Protein backbone atom coordinates (compact mmCIF):
# COMPACT_ATOMS: atom_id res chain seq x y z
CA UNK A 1 -142.80 -151.24 -34.70
CA UNK A 2 -146.37 -150.55 -34.17
CA UNK A 3 -146.75 -149.16 -30.69
CA UNK A 4 -149.39 -149.62 -27.95
CA UNK A 5 -151.63 -146.57 -29.25
CA UNK A 6 -151.46 -147.65 -32.74
CA UNK A 7 -152.38 -151.22 -32.02
CA UNK A 8 -155.39 -149.94 -29.89
CA UNK A 9 -156.62 -147.99 -32.73
CA UNK A 10 -156.06 -150.77 -35.15
CA UNK A 11 -158.16 -153.07 -33.13
CA UNK A 12 -160.99 -150.53 -32.96
CA UNK A 13 -160.95 -149.95 -36.59
CA UNK A 14 -160.99 -153.74 -37.38
CA UNK A 15 -163.76 -154.29 -34.77
CA UNK A 16 -165.77 -151.91 -36.76
CA UNK A 17 -165.13 -153.66 -40.11
CA UNK A 18 -165.25 -157.28 -39.12
CA UNK A 19 -168.11 -157.19 -36.77
CA UNK A 20 -170.66 -159.82 -37.58
CA UNK A 21 -168.84 -160.79 -40.65
CA UNK A 22 -167.86 -164.49 -41.48
CA UNK A 23 -164.52 -165.52 -42.59
CA UNK A 24 -164.59 -167.11 -45.90
CA UNK A 25 -160.97 -168.08 -46.46
CA UNK A 26 -157.45 -167.76 -45.04
CA UNK A 27 -154.30 -167.84 -47.31
CA UNK A 28 -151.02 -168.14 -45.37
CA UNK A 29 -148.48 -167.04 -47.84
CA UNK A 30 -145.40 -166.89 -45.56
CA UNK A 31 -145.57 -170.25 -43.69
CA UNK A 32 -142.80 -169.20 -41.35
CA UNK A 33 -145.54 -166.48 -39.87
CA UNK A 34 -147.71 -169.25 -38.52
CA UNK A 35 -146.71 -170.41 -35.29
CA UNK A 36 -149.38 -172.93 -34.51
CA UNK A 37 -150.91 -175.94 -36.02
CA UNK A 38 -153.83 -177.02 -33.64
CA UNK A 39 -156.44 -175.91 -34.22
CA UNK A 40 -155.60 -175.63 -38.20
CA UNK A 41 -155.92 -172.54 -39.84
CA UNK A 42 -158.77 -173.87 -41.97
CA UNK A 43 -160.91 -174.07 -38.79
CA UNK A 44 -161.40 -170.34 -38.99
CA UNK A 45 -163.17 -170.68 -42.25
CA UNK A 46 -166.83 -170.29 -41.80
CA UNK A 47 -166.52 -168.79 -38.32
CA UNK A 48 -168.17 -165.35 -37.41
CA UNK A 49 -166.09 -162.65 -35.99
CA UNK A 50 -167.44 -161.69 -32.61
CA UNK A 51 -164.93 -159.14 -31.30
CA UNK A 52 -161.55 -157.62 -31.87
CA UNK A 53 -159.27 -156.66 -28.81
CA UNK A 54 -155.59 -156.21 -27.73
CA UNK A 55 -153.38 -157.78 -25.41
CA UNK A 56 -150.20 -155.42 -25.03
CA UNK A 57 -149.28 -155.29 -28.56
CA UNK A 58 -151.13 -158.59 -29.72
CA UNK A 59 -154.24 -158.21 -31.83
CA UNK A 60 -156.91 -160.64 -30.90
CA UNK A 61 -159.68 -161.54 -33.39
CA UNK A 62 -162.32 -163.43 -31.70
CA UNK A 63 -164.42 -165.82 -34.01
CA UNK A 64 -166.89 -168.35 -32.71
CA UNK A 65 -164.80 -170.01 -29.96
CA UNK A 66 -161.52 -169.35 -31.69
CA UNK A 67 -158.86 -166.65 -31.58
CA UNK A 68 -156.73 -165.25 -34.57
CA UNK A 69 -153.83 -163.63 -32.69
CA UNK A 70 -151.32 -161.50 -34.60
CA UNK A 71 -148.21 -159.91 -33.33
CA UNK A 72 -147.07 -157.30 -36.03
CA UNK A 73 -143.48 -157.36 -34.71
CA UNK A 74 -141.08 -154.69 -36.12
CA UNK A 75 -142.30 -154.65 -39.87
CA UNK A 76 -145.85 -155.91 -39.85
CA UNK A 77 -149.02 -154.27 -40.72
CA UNK A 78 -152.67 -154.74 -41.45
CA UNK A 79 -154.10 -153.35 -44.63
CA UNK A 80 -157.69 -153.30 -45.40
CA UNK A 81 -159.02 -154.27 -48.85
CA UNK A 82 -162.63 -153.81 -50.08
CA UNK A 83 -162.39 -156.06 -52.96
CA UNK A 84 -160.07 -159.36 -52.80
CA UNK A 85 -159.73 -161.94 -55.58
CA UNK A 86 -160.60 -165.42 -54.61
CA UNK A 87 -157.30 -166.77 -56.13
CA UNK A 88 -154.81 -167.86 -53.60
CA UNK A 89 -151.95 -165.07 -53.67
CA UNK A 90 -148.39 -166.10 -54.71
CA UNK A 91 -145.58 -165.27 -52.55
CA UNK A 92 -144.06 -161.93 -53.42
CA UNK A 93 -141.05 -160.16 -51.52
CA UNK A 94 -141.88 -156.73 -52.86
CA UNK A 95 -145.51 -156.85 -51.44
CA UNK A 96 -144.41 -158.57 -48.01
CA UNK A 97 -147.69 -160.33 -48.08
CA UNK A 98 -147.60 -162.89 -45.23
CA UNK A 99 -151.43 -163.63 -44.65
CA UNK A 100 -154.64 -162.79 -46.42
CA UNK A 101 -158.23 -163.13 -44.55
CA UNK A 102 -161.12 -162.83 -47.17
CA UNK A 103 -164.53 -162.12 -45.66
CA UNK A 104 -168.01 -163.45 -46.95
CA UNK A 105 -168.40 -160.13 -48.88
CA UNK A 106 -165.26 -160.42 -50.65
CA UNK A 107 -163.70 -157.57 -48.42
CA UNK A 108 -160.80 -158.52 -46.18
CA UNK A 109 -157.37 -157.74 -44.79
CA UNK A 110 -153.85 -158.29 -45.96
CA UNK A 111 -151.16 -158.90 -43.10
CA UNK A 112 -147.87 -157.71 -44.50
CA UNK A 113 -144.29 -157.50 -43.25
CA UNK A 114 -141.70 -155.34 -44.87
CA UNK A 115 -137.69 -155.71 -44.19
CA UNK A 116 -135.52 -158.62 -44.22
CA UNK A 117 -135.95 -159.73 -40.76
CA UNK A 118 -139.20 -161.79 -40.44
CA UNK A 119 -140.71 -161.65 -37.08
CA UNK A 120 -144.53 -161.33 -37.77
CA UNK A 121 -146.47 -163.90 -35.94
CA UNK A 122 -149.82 -165.33 -36.44
CA UNK A 123 -151.33 -168.00 -33.93
CA UNK A 124 -154.75 -169.81 -34.16
CA UNK A 125 -155.78 -170.84 -30.61
CA UNK A 126 -158.81 -171.49 -28.34
CA UNK A 127 -157.85 -169.09 -25.63
CA UNK A 128 -155.53 -166.05 -25.97
CA UNK A 129 -153.34 -167.43 -23.04
CA UNK A 130 -152.22 -170.22 -25.19
CA UNK A 131 -150.00 -167.88 -26.86
CA UNK A 132 -146.70 -167.77 -24.87
CA UNK A 133 -146.28 -164.01 -25.36
CA UNK A 134 -149.64 -163.17 -23.86
CA UNK A 135 -149.41 -165.60 -20.95
CA UNK A 136 -146.16 -163.79 -20.00
CA UNK A 137 -147.58 -160.27 -20.38
CA UNK A 138 -147.61 -157.78 -17.25
CA UNK A 139 -150.49 -155.53 -16.33
CA UNK A 140 -151.96 -153.17 -19.26
CA UNK A 141 -150.97 -149.69 -18.17
CA UNK A 142 -154.43 -148.45 -19.78
CA UNK A 143 -156.61 -150.76 -17.57
CA UNK A 144 -158.14 -149.20 -14.83
CA UNK A 145 -156.62 -151.90 -12.51
CA UNK A 146 -153.29 -150.23 -13.29
CA UNK A 147 -153.01 -148.07 -10.24
CA UNK A 148 -150.19 -146.11 -8.62
CA UNK A 149 -150.02 -148.92 -6.13
CA UNK A 150 -149.49 -151.47 -8.99
CA UNK A 151 -146.73 -149.21 -10.38
CA UNK A 152 -144.91 -148.97 -7.01
CA UNK A 153 -144.86 -152.60 -6.43
CA UNK A 154 -143.26 -153.32 -10.00
CA UNK A 155 -140.74 -150.71 -9.54
CA UNK A 156 -139.93 -152.02 -5.92
CA UNK A 157 -139.69 -155.51 -7.29
CA UNK A 158 -137.31 -154.52 -10.19
CA UNK A 159 -134.81 -153.26 -7.44
CA UNK A 160 -131.81 -151.52 -8.82
CA UNK A 161 -132.72 -152.31 -12.36
CA UNK A 162 -132.63 -149.29 -14.59
CA UNK A 163 -136.18 -147.72 -14.96
CA UNK A 164 -136.16 -147.56 -18.74
CA UNK A 165 -135.42 -151.19 -18.94
CA UNK A 166 -138.34 -151.90 -16.37
CA UNK A 167 -140.79 -149.67 -18.35
CA UNK A 168 -140.26 -151.14 -21.65
CA UNK A 169 -139.92 -155.05 -20.74
CA UNK A 170 -143.37 -156.64 -21.69
CA UNK A 171 -143.34 -159.01 -19.04
CA UNK A 172 -143.33 -155.98 -16.48
CA UNK A 173 -145.83 -153.59 -18.02
CA UNK A 174 -147.61 -154.56 -21.29
CA UNK A 175 -147.27 -152.61 -24.26
CA UNK A 176 -145.28 -149.51 -23.38
CA UNK A 177 -142.12 -150.68 -25.32
CA UNK A 178 -138.88 -148.66 -26.07
CA UNK A 179 -140.26 -145.55 -27.75
CA UNK A 180 -143.10 -144.68 -25.29
CA UNK A 181 -140.70 -145.42 -22.25
CA UNK A 182 -138.51 -142.45 -23.38
CA UNK A 183 -141.66 -140.04 -23.69
CA UNK A 184 -142.79 -141.17 -20.26
CA UNK A 185 -139.51 -140.59 -18.68
CA UNK A 186 -139.10 -137.26 -20.52
CA UNK A 187 -142.57 -136.03 -19.48
CA UNK A 188 -141.83 -137.16 -15.81
CA UNK A 189 -138.39 -135.40 -16.01
CA UNK A 190 -136.57 -138.46 -15.02
CA UNK A 191 -133.34 -140.24 -16.02
CA UNK A 192 -133.62 -143.55 -17.80
CA UNK A 193 -130.73 -144.98 -15.73
CA UNK A 194 -132.40 -143.99 -12.27
CA UNK A 195 -132.78 -147.34 -10.32
CA UNK A 196 -136.45 -148.34 -10.06
CA UNK A 197 -136.61 -148.69 -6.54
CA UNK A 198 -135.23 -145.30 -5.63
CA UNK A 199 -138.19 -143.08 -6.58
CA UNK A 200 -139.60 -140.72 -3.99
CA UNK A 201 -143.19 -140.25 -3.59
CA UNK A 202 -143.26 -137.05 -5.90
CA UNK A 203 -141.27 -138.91 -8.55
CA UNK A 204 -143.57 -141.90 -8.42
CA UNK A 205 -146.49 -139.26 -8.87
CA UNK A 206 -145.20 -137.69 -11.84
CA UNK A 207 -144.27 -141.31 -13.33
CA UNK A 208 -147.82 -142.57 -12.98
CA UNK A 209 -149.19 -139.40 -14.26
CA UNK A 210 -147.01 -139.50 -17.33
CA UNK A 211 -148.01 -143.09 -17.98
CA UNK A 212 -151.73 -142.39 -17.95
CA UNK A 213 -151.59 -139.14 -19.59
CA UNK A 214 -148.88 -139.79 -22.33
CA UNK A 215 -150.53 -143.05 -23.25
CA UNK A 216 -154.11 -141.81 -22.90
CA UNK A 217 -153.42 -138.72 -25.25
CA UNK A 218 -151.67 -140.95 -27.82
CA UNK A 219 -154.53 -143.46 -27.94
CA UNK A 220 -157.10 -140.61 -28.21
CA UNK A 221 -155.26 -139.16 -31.17
CA UNK A 222 -155.08 -142.37 -32.98
CA UNK A 223 -158.73 -143.42 -32.06
CA UNK A 224 -161.00 -143.24 -34.96
CA UNK A 225 -158.19 -143.30 -37.58
CA UNK A 226 -158.51 -146.11 -40.28
CA UNK A 227 -155.69 -148.63 -40.84
CA UNK A 228 -154.46 -146.71 -43.85
CA UNK A 229 -154.09 -143.64 -41.78
CA UNK A 230 -152.03 -145.38 -39.18
CA UNK A 231 -148.33 -145.59 -40.00
CA UNK A 232 -149.00 -144.77 -43.62
CA UNK A 233 -149.76 -148.46 -43.97
CA UNK A 234 -146.03 -149.19 -43.40
CA UNK A 235 -144.95 -147.88 -47.07
CA UNK A 236 -141.12 -147.85 -47.80
CA UNK A 237 -139.69 -144.82 -49.28
CA UNK A 238 -139.51 -146.24 -52.72
CA UNK A 239 -143.34 -146.98 -52.52
CA UNK A 240 -144.00 -143.36 -51.17
CA UNK A 241 -141.93 -141.81 -54.09
CA UNK A 242 -140.27 -138.28 -53.85
CA UNK A 243 -143.19 -136.35 -53.28
CA UNK A 244 -144.78 -138.66 -50.76
CA UNK A 245 -141.43 -138.88 -48.86
CA UNK A 246 -141.22 -135.18 -48.57
CA UNK A 247 -144.79 -134.88 -47.45
CA UNK A 248 -144.24 -137.56 -44.74
CA UNK A 249 -140.83 -135.74 -43.85
CA UNK A 250 -142.68 -132.63 -43.18
CA UNK A 251 -145.62 -134.30 -41.46
CA UNK A 252 -142.97 -135.73 -39.01
CA UNK A 253 -141.34 -132.40 -38.42
CA UNK A 254 -144.63 -130.84 -37.39
CA UNK A 255 -145.21 -133.45 -35.02
CA UNK A 256 -141.87 -134.14 -33.58
CA UNK A 257 -139.58 -131.46 -34.76
CA UNK A 258 -140.15 -129.10 -31.75
CA UNK A 259 -139.42 -131.60 -29.08
CA UNK A 260 -135.49 -131.30 -29.41
CA UNK A 261 -135.64 -127.51 -29.39
CA UNK A 262 -137.90 -127.56 -26.07
CA UNK A 263 -135.30 -129.82 -24.55
CA UNK A 264 -132.57 -127.54 -25.62
CA UNK A 265 -134.45 -124.71 -24.07
CA UNK A 266 -134.94 -126.45 -20.70
CA UNK A 267 -131.10 -127.14 -20.71
CA UNK A 268 -130.61 -123.21 -20.98
CA UNK A 269 -129.24 -123.32 -24.43
CA UNK A 270 -129.82 -119.67 -25.89
CA UNK A 271 -129.39 -119.25 -29.44
CA UNK A 272 -131.27 -116.96 -31.74
CA UNK A 273 -134.46 -118.74 -32.18
CA UNK A 274 -135.74 -116.67 -34.97
CA UNK A 275 -133.10 -117.98 -37.25
CA UNK A 276 -134.09 -121.50 -36.70
CA UNK A 277 -133.76 -123.64 -40.04
CA UNK A 278 -135.10 -127.13 -41.15
CA UNK A 279 -133.21 -129.20 -43.64
CA UNK A 280 -136.10 -129.19 -46.10
CA UNK A 281 -136.65 -125.47 -45.75
CA UNK A 282 -137.29 -124.05 -49.21
CA UNK A 283 -134.45 -121.43 -49.31
CA UNK A 284 -132.07 -123.63 -47.19
CA UNK A 285 -132.72 -126.53 -49.35
CA UNK A 286 -132.31 -124.44 -52.67
CA UNK A 287 -128.88 -123.05 -51.39
CA UNK A 288 -127.50 -126.62 -50.60
CA UNK A 289 -128.71 -127.88 -54.07
CA UNK A 290 -126.82 -124.80 -55.64
CA UNK A 291 -123.62 -125.43 -53.75
CA UNK A 292 -123.57 -129.02 -54.57
CA UNK A 293 -124.22 -128.56 -58.14
CA UNK A 294 -121.49 -125.96 -58.30
CA UNK A 295 -119.06 -128.30 -56.67
CA UNK A 296 -119.95 -131.02 -59.00
CA UNK A 297 -119.64 -128.99 -62.12
CA UNK A 298 -116.09 -128.24 -60.83
CA UNK A 299 -115.17 -131.65 -60.35
CA UNK A 300 -114.73 -131.03 -56.58
CA UNK A 301 -117.41 -133.68 -55.50
CA UNK A 302 -118.04 -136.86 -57.06
CA UNK A 303 -120.07 -140.14 -56.65
CA UNK A 304 -117.63 -143.02 -55.89
CA UNK A 305 -117.66 -146.61 -54.30
CA UNK A 306 -116.79 -146.68 -50.46
CA UNK A 307 -117.44 -148.75 -47.54
CA UNK A 308 -120.62 -147.71 -45.65
CA UNK A 309 -122.59 -149.19 -42.57
CA UNK A 310 -125.54 -150.72 -44.39
CA UNK A 311 -128.65 -151.60 -42.59
CA UNK A 312 -130.31 -154.64 -44.31
CA UNK A 313 -133.66 -154.12 -42.41
CA UNK A 314 -133.99 -150.22 -43.16
CA UNK A 315 -132.15 -150.83 -46.68
CA UNK A 316 -130.17 -147.74 -45.96
CA UNK A 317 -126.77 -146.57 -45.08
CA UNK A 318 -126.18 -145.30 -41.35
CA UNK A 319 -123.85 -142.89 -40.19
CA UNK A 320 -121.04 -143.92 -37.67
CA UNK A 321 -122.97 -142.16 -34.92
CA UNK A 322 -125.78 -144.44 -35.32
CA UNK A 323 -123.75 -147.53 -35.25
CA UNK A 324 -122.60 -149.34 -32.04
CA UNK A 325 -119.27 -151.13 -32.75
CA UNK A 326 -118.63 -154.37 -31.21
CA UNK A 327 -115.52 -156.21 -30.61
CA UNK A 328 -115.45 -159.98 -31.48
CA UNK A 329 -112.93 -162.77 -30.94
CA UNK A 330 -111.51 -163.62 -34.27
CA UNK A 331 -109.39 -166.60 -35.71
CA UNK A 332 -106.25 -166.70 -37.39
CA UNK A 333 -105.85 -169.40 -39.99
CA UNK A 334 -102.65 -170.88 -41.29
CA UNK A 335 -102.55 -172.09 -44.59
CA UNK A 336 -99.56 -174.12 -46.01
CA UNK A 337 -98.97 -173.95 -49.74
CA UNK A 338 -96.53 -176.78 -50.67
CA UNK A 339 -93.92 -176.11 -53.30
CA UNK A 340 -94.43 -178.17 -56.59
CA UNK A 341 -91.15 -180.04 -56.13
CA UNK A 342 -92.06 -181.22 -52.53
CA UNK A 343 -89.10 -179.53 -50.84
CA UNK A 344 -91.18 -177.53 -48.58
CA UNK A 345 -93.98 -174.85 -48.58
CA UNK A 346 -95.01 -171.41 -47.92
CA UNK A 347 -97.39 -170.72 -44.87
CA UNK A 348 -99.68 -167.78 -45.15
CA UNK A 349 -101.76 -166.51 -42.00
CA UNK A 350 -105.29 -164.97 -42.69
CA UNK A 351 -108.54 -164.31 -41.00
CA UNK A 352 -110.38 -164.88 -44.29
CA UNK A 353 -109.50 -168.45 -45.52
CA UNK A 354 -112.32 -168.33 -48.05
CA UNK A 355 -110.32 -165.94 -50.10
CA UNK A 356 -108.05 -168.80 -50.87
CA UNK A 357 -110.27 -169.91 -53.65
CA UNK A 358 -109.33 -166.56 -55.48
CA UNK A 359 -105.65 -166.69 -55.08
CA UNK A 360 -103.63 -165.81 -58.27
CA UNK A 361 -100.09 -165.71 -56.36
CA UNK A 362 -98.25 -165.92 -53.22
CA UNK A 363 -95.89 -163.17 -52.34
CA UNK A 364 -92.69 -163.47 -50.34
CA UNK A 365 -89.98 -160.89 -49.22
CA UNK A 366 -86.72 -162.29 -50.57
CA UNK A 367 -84.92 -160.27 -47.69
CA UNK A 368 -86.79 -162.60 -45.18
CA UNK A 369 -84.38 -164.99 -43.41
CA UNK A 370 -86.91 -167.74 -43.92
CA UNK A 371 -86.73 -167.33 -47.84
CA UNK A 372 -82.96 -165.97 -48.01
CA UNK A 373 -81.40 -169.48 -48.69
CA UNK A 374 -83.83 -170.24 -51.80
CA UNK A 375 -84.84 -168.63 -54.83
CA UNK A 376 -88.68 -169.14 -54.99
CA UNK A 377 -89.24 -167.20 -58.35
CA UNK A 378 -90.42 -169.65 -60.64
CA UNK A 379 -91.01 -172.68 -58.44
CA UNK A 380 -94.81 -171.99 -57.60
CA UNK A 381 -97.01 -173.68 -55.10
CA UNK A 382 -100.09 -175.68 -55.48
CA UNK A 383 -103.62 -175.82 -54.00
CA UNK A 384 -105.14 -179.22 -53.74
CA UNK A 385 -108.88 -178.73 -54.51
CA UNK A 386 -111.82 -181.05 -55.31
CA UNK A 387 -111.74 -180.17 -59.06
CA UNK A 388 -107.88 -180.99 -59.25
CA UNK A 389 -104.47 -179.21 -58.58
CA UNK A 390 -104.23 -175.67 -59.41
CA UNK A 391 -100.72 -174.16 -59.53
CA UNK A 392 -100.23 -170.65 -57.93
CA UNK A 393 -96.90 -168.71 -58.87
CA UNK A 394 -94.70 -167.57 -56.06
CA UNK A 395 -93.83 -163.82 -56.41
CA UNK A 396 -90.74 -162.21 -54.98
CA UNK A 397 -91.79 -158.53 -53.92
CA UNK A 398 -89.10 -156.21 -53.14
CA UNK A 399 -90.29 -153.82 -50.38
CA UNK A 400 -89.91 -150.02 -50.59
CA UNK A 401 -87.27 -148.40 -48.37
CA UNK A 402 -88.80 -148.00 -44.88
CA UNK A 403 -91.83 -150.28 -45.87
CA UNK A 404 -92.74 -153.69 -44.84
């Protein structure tokens, strides 16, 4: 999800590109992204862009009395195009194109959203407060009006709520979100589970300084970057390719890799830091490839089919450590298969009744008291389905000694 510093930098970049340009055409490719109908999207066409600002994580493009509001959600982004064709674009799942805005000089921007969960939102309104998400936003932490007294009042009002939840809630403080709440609390040397109203004066000072400094520094680092340099235009690993993915991995390591080691040092962990290794270090990576190749040649490792924790949004497998297991109440269905001669039936209990459509037989244990008086072999049962009656045989399966 684009964070506050990225949205701030994106607004500044678009402001320079869109200033005094007229909107010629707006194509809404993903109709589910459009959240308003009055004014219509066509009302933007012919208007002059006056300003581009930010409300929390909402982008606001002001045009001749109207506002084009964008919320990029988790997988959305803005891609600038110097030359756009006048032909209306067609829906394309691979490109993720949701909205295309064409300017009077045939340049413009594509608003895209990758992933399976579509949450990108576009609003055409007369004033920003007409957007429910903006109307419910808390104070902006980068605003000069956000003082230590304002922060103190927010925390006191939150009571015993965990401080991380208070910081990331957009209705409490606009724009911090989940990712930066962790960084702020780390910089302030504070537990995310600490009750919001229990901070001492010193802790409040540290947290306020962290909010201003960390967010301010992040905005300063992002300011001046073009949209294409922020978040790598939300490209997937498939779009990056192998070389591009390795380059991005090393860039991430250079920026964030030292944070974990800094935390470990503060905890007093004292390994031989000179022997530090990164997964993609040349010698380390070459040794791993050599061992795996040798094991493969010897038939000790192989590629097979197995159940994984698949994330439909990230489109990758997740380890068990990254998955939160949740117990849910199920339902046990009892399906009665009548015997062909009408003398009785066999009842099967299952949590997956839909598999009945693929049944090829019903197995019983002849030693079971319910089936001891009758020989089911050859009788068969039937399923009454819309396309007619399908006969399914009954099989007598003898259990192994000690089995069930």
